[in-house]
């Protein structure tokens, strides 16, 4: 159903935009992602874009959360629930606008309507919170990626948009509690003397921890390490 546009300038803009979409033919090979809005309160997919049908073959208008769980590869189903549970524990500690600071991602395989399995990277972010500060709606993006033989060790990731870094939630580098504290302070811009004062220890001890951190992470320096932590 079309709605009459009274403003001539807006009508001109609208038709220019519309002419592009009507002239271009859909090229399925170029479509590599789709998105949907998940209602956390009702446990329903409230909207899913048409690219979902292009990639998977399923009807985007009738697809449900239960359907998504059903098409996850059997070998990935436990991992899917494990990631969801861990992310939920993290989200439950957040309030109000804190929810908008993070992106959550991990990968798994799903079965298309034709019966083939494709690997997707799922990225999720807050879209709406309630008056009590709870997460109510999320935007979920599924991007098709190349298949892999073995899932990367740091597959599940949480990206902090305020600091532009990925959080090492799984402690992939096996750093000690003190090393993690020092790494966090280095990321905040503190030097060894400032870190020593903050942690009530000596600069020598901090420098020793810093060397151990670089050795464990196989990094040349902290600029190199922070770059690693910031990579997708």
C-alpha atoms as a PDB file:
ATOM      1  CA  UNK A   1       0.000   0.000   0.000  1.00  0.00           C
ATOM      2  CA  UNK A   2       1.458   3.334  -1.071  1.00  0.00           C
ATOM      3  CA  UNK A   3       0.961   6.525   0.914  1.00  0.00           C
ATOM      4  CA  UNK A   4       0.591   9.874  -0.796  1.00  0.00           C
ATOM      5  CA  UNK A   5       3.670  12.054  -0.314  1.00  0.00           C
ATOM      6  CA  UNK A   6       2.736  15.720  -0.199  1.00  0.00           C
ATOM      7  CA  UNK A   7       6.157  17.298   0.219  1.00  0.00           C
ATOM      8  CA  UNK A   8       7.657  17.552  -3.275  1.00  0.00           C
ATOM      9  CA  UNK A   9      11.294  17.506  -2.175  1.00  0.00           C
ATOM     10  CA  UNK A  10      10.744  14.397  -0.069  1.00  0.00           C
ATOM     11  CA  UNK A  11       8.762  12.785  -2.900  1.00  0.00           C
ATOM     12  CA  UNK A  12      11.701  13.401  -5.239  1.00  0.00           C
ATOM     13  CA  UNK A  13      14.136  11.825  -2.781  1.00  0.00           C
ATOM     14  CA  UNK A  14      11.840   8.862  -2.235  1.00  0.00           C
ATOM     15  CA  UNK A  15      11.485   8.108  -5.923  1.00  0.00           C
ATOM     16  CA  UNK A  16      15.220   8.423  -6.496  1.00  0.00           C
ATOM     17  CA  UNK A  17      15.788   5.834  -3.795  1.00  0.00           C
ATOM     18  CA  UNK A  18      13.008   3.623  -5.119  1.00  0.00           C
ATOM     19  CA  UNK A  19      14.335   3.755  -8.682  1.00  0.00           C
ATOM     20  CA  UNK A  20      17.637   2.256  -7.566  1.00  0.00           C
ATOM     21  CA  UNK A  21      16.047  -0.734  -5.848  1.00  0.00           C
ATOM     22  CA  UNK A  22      13.643  -1.462  -8.695  1.00  0.00           C
ATOM     23  CA  UNK A  23      16.259  -1.283 -11.448  1.00  0.00           C
ATOM     24  CA  UNK A  24      18.795  -3.531  -9.776  1.00  0.00           C
ATOM     25  CA  UNK A  25      18.300  -7.264 -10.078  1.00  0.00           C
ATOM     26  CA  UNK A  26      18.924  -9.325  -6.981  1.00  0.00           C
ATOM     27  CA  UNK A  27      22.289 -11.058  -7.110  1.00  0.00           C
ATOM     28  CA  UNK A  28      22.094 -13.892  -4.616  1.00  0.00           C
ATOM     29  CA  UNK A  29      25.820 -14.561  -4.732  1.00  0.00           C
ATOM     30  CA  UNK A  30      26.469 -11.119  -3.237  1.00  0.00           C
ATOM     31  CA  UNK A  31      24.097 -11.617  -0.298  1.00  0.00           C
ATOM     32  CA  UNK A  32      26.139 -12.960   2.624  1.00  0.00           C
ATOM     33  CA  UNK A  33      24.201 -11.800   5.688  1.00  0.00           C
ATOM     34  CA  UNK A  34      20.751 -11.269   7.130  1.00  0.00           C
ATOM     35  CA  UNK A  35      19.415  -9.868  10.377  1.00  0.00           C
ATOM     36  CA  UNK A  36      16.458 -10.213  12.702  1.00  0.00           C
ATOM     37  CA  UNK A  37      15.037  -8.549  15.794  1.00  0.00           C
ATOM     38  CA  UNK A  38      14.576 -10.820  18.801  1.00  0.00           C
ATOM     39  CA  UNK A  39      12.003  -9.924  21.458  1.00  0.00           C
ATOM     40  CA  UNK A  40      13.527 -11.119  24.739  1.00  0.00           C
ATOM     41  CA  UNK A  41      10.259 -10.758  26.664  1.00  0.00           C
ATOM     42  CA  UNK A  42       8.087 -12.752  24.273  1.00  0.00           C
ATOM     43  CA  UNK A  43      10.807 -15.105  22.965  1.00  0.00           C
ATOM     44  CA  UNK A  44       9.822 -14.359  19.371  1.00  0.00           C
ATOM     45  CA  UNK A  45      11.474 -13.069  16.224  1.00  0.00           C
ATOM     46  CA  UNK A  46       9.542  -9.859  15.655  1.00  0.00           C
ATOM     47  CA  UNK A  47      11.167  -9.084  12.294  1.00  0.00           C
ATOM     48  CA  UNK A  48      13.536 -10.772   9.867  1.00  0.00           C
ATOM     49  CA  UNK A  49      14.741  -9.303   6.589  1.00  0.00           C
ATOM     50  CA  UNK A  50      14.260 -10.981   3.204  1.00  0.00           C
ATOM     51  CA  UNK A  51      17.959 -11.860   2.826  1.00  0.00           C
ATOM     52  CA  UNK A  52      17.286 -14.731   5.236  1.00  0.00           C
ATOM     53  CA  UNK A  53      15.209 -16.462   2.565  1.00  0.00           C
ATOM     54  CA  UNK A  54      17.881 -15.786  -0.060  1.00  0.00           C
ATOM     55  CA  UNK A  55      20.599 -17.445   2.017  1.00  0.00           C
ATOM     56  CA  UNK A  56      18.721 -20.277   3.760  1.00  0.00           C
ATOM     57  CA  UNK A  57      15.610 -20.869   1.666  1.00  0.00           C
ATOM     58  CA  UNK A  58      13.279 -20.623   4.674  1.00  0.00           C
ATOM     59  CA  UNK A  59      10.318 -18.245   4.892  1.00  0.00           C
ATOM     60  CA  UNK A  60      11.425 -15.230   6.920  1.00  0.00           C
ATOM     61  CA  UNK A  61       7.812 -14.407   7.853  1.00  0.00           C
ATOM     62  CA  UNK A  62       7.087 -17.676   9.661  1.00  0.00           C
ATOM     63  CA  UNK A  63      10.534 -18.653  10.985  1.00  0.00           C
ATOM     64  CA  UNK A  64      10.710 -18.986  14.790  1.00  0.00           C
ATOM     65  CA  UNK A  65      13.359 -19.307  17.504  1.00  0.00           C
ATOM     66  CA  UNK A  66      12.469 -22.998  17.824  1.00  0.00           C
ATOM     67  CA  UNK A  67      13.082 -23.380  14.088  1.00  0.00           C
ATOM     68  CA  UNK A  68      16.528 -21.810  14.463  1.00  0.00           C
ATOM     69  CA  UNK A  69      17.473 -24.217  17.240  1.00  0.00           C
ATOM     70  CA  UNK A  70      16.214 -27.106  15.127  1.00  0.00           C
ATOM     71  CA  UNK A  71      18.484 -26.304  12.143  1.00  0.00           C
ATOM     72  CA  UNK A  72      21.694 -25.877  14.163  1.00  0.00           C
ATOM     73  CA  UNK A  73      24.219 -28.602  13.349  1.00  0.00           C
ATOM     74  CA  UNK A  74      24.032 -31.383  15.986  1.00  0.00           C
ATOM     75  CA  UNK A  75      27.749 -30.970  16.746  1.00  0.00           C
ATOM     76  CA  UNK A  76      27.256 -27.242  17.414  1.00  0.00           C
ATOM     77  CA  UNK A  77      24.050 -27.296  19.450  1.00  0.00           C
ATOM     78  CA  UNK A  78      25.720 -27.688  22.860  1.00  0.00           C
ATOM     79  CA  UNK A  79      28.192 -24.946  21.957  1.00  0.00           C
ATOM     80  CA  UNK A  80      25.309 -22.672  20.944  1.00  0.00           C
ATOM     81  CA  UNK A  81      23.611 -23.068  24.327  1.00  0.00           C
ATOM     82  CA  UNK A  82      26.925 -22.723  26.168  1.00  0.00           C
ATOM     83  CA  UNK A  83      27.615 -19.380  24.450  1.00  0.00           C
ATOM     84  CA  UNK A  84      24.076 -18.155  25.061  1.00  0.00           C
ATOM     85  CA  UNK A  85      24.301 -19.051  28.756  1.00  0.00           C
ATOM     86  CA  UNK A  86      27.654 -17.300  29.198  1.00  0.00           C
ATOM     87  CA  UNK A  87      26.467 -14.195  27.363  1.00  0.00           C
ATOM     88  CA  UNK A  88      23.299 -14.154  29.458  1.00  0.00           C
ATOM     89  CA  UNK A  89      25.327 -14.219  32.681  1.00  0.00           C
ATOM     90  CA  UNK A  90      27.292 -11.225  31.400  1.00  0.00           C
ATOM     91  CA  UNK A  91      24.181  -9.334  30.270  1.00  0.00           C
ATOM     92  CA  UNK A  92      22.365  -9.919  33.551  1.00  0.00           C
ATOM     93  CA  UNK A  93      25.000  -7.808  35.316  1.00  0.00           C
ATOM     94  CA  UNK A  94      24.344  -4.809  33.058  1.00  0.00           C
ATOM     95  CA  UNK A  95      21.790  -2.065  33.613  1.00  0.00           C
ATOM     96  CA  UNK A  96      20.163   0.483  31.313  1.00  0.00           C
ATOM     97  CA  UNK A  97      22.586   2.033  28.770  1.00  0.00           C
ATOM     98  CA  UNK A  98      25.392  -0.360  29.735  1.00  0.00           C
ATOM     99  CA  UNK A  99      23.673  -2.901  27.470  1.00  0.00           C
ATOM    100  CA  UNK A 100      24.447  -0.788  24.403  1.00  0.00           C
ATOM    101  CA  UNK A 101      28.214  -0.898  25.032  1.00  0.00           C
ATOM    102  CA  UNK A 102      28.767  -4.479  23.892  1.00  0.00           C
ATOM    103  CA  UNK A 103      28.627  -6.726  20.823  1.00  0.00           C
ATOM    104  CA  UNK A 104      28.447 -10.498  21.316  1.00  0.00           C
ATOM    105  CA  UNK A 105      29.635 -12.925  18.648  1.00  0.00           C
ATOM    106  CA  UNK A 106      30.386 -16.578  17.998  1.00  0.00           C
ATOM    107  CA  UNK A 107      30.042 -19.037  15.104  1.00  0.00           C
ATOM    108  CA  UNK A 108      28.116 -22.207  14.361  1.00  0.00           C
ATOM    109  CA  UNK A 109      26.637 -24.146  11.454  1.00  0.00           C
ATOM    110  CA  UNK A 110      23.009 -24.179  10.337  1.00  0.00           C
ATOM    111  CA  UNK A 111      21.158 -26.352   7.841  1.00  0.00           C
ATOM    112  CA  UNK A 112      19.614 -24.662   4.804  1.00  0.00           C
ATOM    113  CA  UNK A 113      16.270 -25.734   3.363  1.00  0.00           C
ATOM    114  CA  UNK A 114      18.166 -27.657   0.671  1.00  0.00           C
ATOM    115  CA  UNK A 115      19.833 -29.720   3.396  1.00  0.00           C
ATOM    116  CA  UNK A 116      23.324 -28.227   3.161  1.00  0.00           C
ATOM    117  CA  UNK A 117      25.167 -26.817   6.167  1.00  0.00           C
ATOM    118  CA  UNK A 118      26.650 -23.326   6.123  1.00  0.00           C
ATOM    119  CA  UNK A 119      28.791 -21.622   8.758  1.00  0.00           C
ATOM    120  CA  UNK A 120      27.556 -18.333  10.162  1.00  0.00           C
ATOM    121  CA  UNK A 121      28.973 -15.743  12.512  1.00  0.00           C
ATOM    122  CA  UNK A 122      26.277 -14.521  14.873  1.00  0.00           C
ATOM    123  CA  UNK A 123      26.647 -10.973  16.200  1.00  0.00           C
ATOM    124  CA  UNK A 124      24.160  -9.663  18.723  1.00  0.00           C
ATOM    125  CA  UNK A 125      23.660  -6.206  20.225  1.00  0.00           C
ATOM    126  CA  UNK A 126      21.098  -4.468  22.406  1.00  0.00           C
ATOM    127  CA  UNK A 127      18.323  -2.654  20.591  1.00  0.00           C
ATOM    128  CA  UNK A 128      15.970  -1.746  23.437  1.00  0.00           C
ATOM    129  CA  UNK A 129      15.922  -1.806  27.235  1.00  0.00           C
ATOM    130  CA  UNK A 130      12.968  -1.532  29.593  1.00  0.00           C
ATOM    131  CA  UNK A 131      12.232   1.207  32.117  1.00  0.00           C
ATOM    132  CA  UNK A 132      13.754  -1.062  34.756  1.00  0.00           C
ATOM    133  CA  UNK A 133      17.028  -1.383  32.822  1.00  0.00           C
ATOM    134  CA  UNK A 134      16.500  -4.902  31.496  1.00  0.00           C
ATOM    135  CA  UNK A 135      17.254  -5.960  27.937  1.00  0.00           C
ATOM    136  CA  UNK A 136      14.019  -6.329  25.929  1.00  0.00           C
ATOM    137  CA  UNK A 137      15.013  -6.411  22.248  1.00  0.00           C
ATOM    138  CA  UNK A 138      18.211  -7.362  20.445  1.00  0.00           C
ATOM    139  CA  UNK A 139      19.456  -7.015  16.884  1.00  0.00           C
ATOM    140  CA  UNK A 140      20.964 -10.280  15.664  1.00  0.00           C
ATOM    141  CA  UNK A 141      23.099 -10.433  12.516  1.00  0.00           C
ATOM    142  CA  UNK A 142      24.060 -13.689  10.828  1.00  0.00           C
ATOM    143  CA  UNK A 143      26.946 -13.426   8.373  1.00  0.00           C
ATOM    144  CA  UNK A 144      27.931 -16.377   6.243  1.00  0.00           C
ATOM    145  CA  UNK A 145      31.639 -17.158   6.602  1.00  0.00           C
ATOM    146  CA  UNK A 146      34.041 -19.748   5.234  1.00  0.00           C
ATOM    147  CA  UNK A 147      33.828 -23.199   6.761  1.00  0.00           C
ATOM    148  CA  UNK A 148      36.633 -24.264   9.105  1.00  0.00           C
ATOM    149  CA  UNK A 149      38.014 -27.607  10.254  1.00  0.00           C
ATOM    150  CA  UNK A 150      38.482 -26.507  13.850  1.00  0.00           C
ATOM    151  CA  UNK A 151      36.714 -23.693  15.673  1.00  0.00           C
ATOM    152  CA  UNK A 152      39.111 -20.859  16.701  1.00  0.00           C
ATOM    153  CA  UNK A 153      40.053 -20.821  20.379  1.00  0.00           C
ATOM    154  CA  UNK A 154      38.738 -17.276  20.763  1.00  0.00           C
ATOM    155  CA  UNK A 155      35.550 -17.866  18.764  1.00  0.00           C
ATOM    156  CA  UNK A 156      33.148 -16.502  21.377  1.00  0.00           C
ATOM    157  CA  UNK A 157      33.897 -12.817  21.813  1.00  0.00           C
ATOM    158  CA  UNK A 158      32.486  -9.735  23.484  1.00  0.00           C
ATOM    159  CA  UNK A 159      33.455  -6.409  21.965  1.00  0.00           C
ATOM    160  CA  UNK A 160      33.517  -3.331  24.198  1.00  0.00           C
ATOM    161  CA  UNK A 161      32.508  -0.443  21.932  1.00  0.00           C
ATOM    162  CA  UNK A 162      33.498   2.181  24.511  1.00  0.00           C
ATOM    163  CA  UNK A 163      37.123   0.987  24.668  1.00  0.00           C
ATOM    164  CA  UNK A 164      37.371  -0.488  21.148  1.00  0.00           C
ATOM    165  CA  UNK A 165      38.680  -3.833  22.386  1.00  0.00           C
ATOM    166  CA  UNK A 166      37.556  -7.431  22.642  1.00  0.00           C
ATOM    167  CA  UNK A 167      37.251  -8.718  26.194  1.00  0.00           C
ATOM    168  CA  UNK A 168      39.274 -11.861  26.853  1.00  0.00           C
ATOM    169  CA  UNK A 169      36.305 -13.622  28.457  1.00  0.00           C
ATOM    170  CA  UNK A 170      37.781 -17.101  28.111  1.00  0.00           C
ATOM    171  CA  UNK A 171      41.263 -15.986  29.266  1.00  0.00           C
ATOM    172  CA  UNK A 172      42.704 -17.635  26.145  1.00  0.00           C
ATOM    173  CA  UNK A 173      46.255 -16.674  27.101  1.00  0.00           C
ATOM    174  CA  UNK A 174      45.968 -18.224  30.586  1.00  0.00           C
ATOM    175  CA  UNK A 175      46.958 -15.019  32.364  1.00  0.00           C
ATOM    176  CA  UNK A 176      46.890 -14.891  36.142  1.00  0.00           C
ATOM    177  CA  UNK A 177      44.464 -12.666  38.020  1.00  0.00           C
ATOM    178  CA  UNK A 178      47.229 -10.112  38.685  1.00  0.00           C
ATOM    179  CA  UNK A 179      48.353 -10.178  35.042  1.00  0.00           C
ATOM    180  CA  UNK A 180      44.779  -9.531  33.923  1.00  0.00           C
ATOM    181  CA  UNK A 181      44.592  -6.575  36.316  1.00  0.00           C
ATOM    182  CA  UNK A 182      47.818  -5.116  34.933  1.00  0.00           C
ATOM    183  CA  UNK A 183      46.734  -5.691  31.329  1.00  0.00           C
ATOM    184  CA  UNK A 184      43.490  -3.832  31.987  1.00  0.00           C
ATOM    185  CA  UNK A 185      45.386  -0.879  33.491  1.00  0.00           C
ATOM    186  CA  UNK A 186      47.815  -0.805  30.559  1.00  0.00           C
ATOM    187  CA  UNK A 187      44.829  -0.666  28.214  1.00  0.00           C
ATOM    188  CA  UNK A 188      43.570   2.296  30.233  1.00  0.00           C
ATOM    189  CA  UNK A 189      46.836   4.121  29.517  1.00  0.00           C
ATOM    190  CA  UNK A 190      48.675   3.761  32.843  1.00  0.00           C
ATOM    191  CA  UNK A 191      52.461   3.309  32.912  1.00  0.00           C
ATOM    192  CA  UNK A 192      54.327   0.913  35.210  1.00  0.00           C
ATOM    193  CA  UNK A 193      54.856   3.471  37.976  1.00  0.00           C
ATOM    194  CA  UNK A 194      51.181   4.439  37.986  1.00  0.00           C
ATOM    195  CA  UNK A 195      50.130   0.790  37.982  1.00  0.00           C
ATOM    196  CA  UNK A 196      52.484   0.034  40.872  1.00  0.00           C
ATOM    197  CA  UNK A 197      51.005   2.870  42.918  1.00  0.00           C
ATOM    198  CA  UNK A 198      47.462   1.762  42.147  1.00  0.00           C
ATOM    199  CA  UNK A 199      48.131  -1.866  43.064  1.00  0.00           C
ATOM    200  CA  UNK A 200      50.355  -1.016  46.044  1.00  0.00           C
ATOM    201  CA  UNK A 201      53.333  -2.932  44.704  1.00  0.00           C
ATOM    202  CA  UNK A 202      56.760  -2.129  43.254  1.00  0.00           C
ATOM    203  CA  UNK A 203      57.516  -0.985  39.721  1.00  0.00           C
ATOM    204  CA  UNK A 204      59.916  -3.924  39.422  1.00  0.00           C
ATOM    205  CA  UNK A 205      57.073  -6.359  40.144  1.00  0.00           C
ATOM    206  CA  UNK A 206      54.834  -4.662  37.577  1.00  0.00           C
ATOM    207  CA  UNK A 207      57.592  -4.770  34.948  1.00  0.00           C
ATOM    208  CA  UNK A 208      58.093  -8.480  35.644  1.00  0.00           C
ATOM    209  CA  UNK A 209      54.383  -9.133  35.180  1.00  0.00           C
ATOM    210  CA  UNK A 210      54.423  -7.125  31.962  1.00  0.00           C
ATOM    211  CA  UNK A 211      57.254  -9.266  30.564  1.00  0.00           C
ATOM    212  CA  UNK A 212      55.348 -12.428  31.495  1.00  0.00           C
ATOM    213  CA  UNK A 213      52.216 -11.104  29.784  1.00  0.00           C
ATOM    214  CA  UNK A 214      54.138 -10.440  26.564  1.00  0.00           C
ATOM    215  CA  UNK A 215      55.727 -13.898  26.676  1.00  0.00           C
ATOM    216  CA  UNK A 216      52.404 -15.681  27.263  1.00  0.00           C
ATOM    217  CA  UNK A 217      50.673 -13.786  24.469  1.00  0.00           C
ATOM    218  CA  UNK A 218      53.643 -14.043  22.083  1.00  0.00           C
ATOM    219  CA  UNK A 219      53.612 -10.267  21.629  1.00  0.00           C
ATOM    220  CA  UNK A 220      56.543  -7.978  20.852  1.00  0.00           C
ATOM    221  CA  UNK A 221      55.131  -5.147  22.948  1.00  0.00           C
ATOM    222  CA  UNK A 222      51.856  -3.957  24.435  1.00  0.00           C
ATOM    223  CA  UNK A 223      50.945  -2.059  21.291  1.00  0.00           C
ATOM    224  CA  UNK A 224      51.144  -5.384  19.469  1.00  0.00           C
ATOM    225  CA  UNK A 225      49.084  -7.105  22.183  1.00  0.00           C
ATOM    226  CA  UNK A 226      46.374  -4.453  22.256  1.00  0.00           C
ATOM    227  CA  UNK A 227      46.184  -4.701  18.471  1.00  0.00           C
ATOM    228  CA  UNK A 228      45.586  -8.446  18.821  1.00  0.00           C
ATOM    229  CA  UNK A 229      42.843  -7.841  21.355  1.00  0.00           C
ATOM    230  CA  UNK A 230      41.228  -5.314  19.026  1.00  0.00           C
ATOM    231  CA  UNK A 231      41.119  -7.586  15.990  1.00  0.00           C
ATOM    232  CA  UNK A 232      37.878  -9.210  14.884  1.00  0.00           C
END
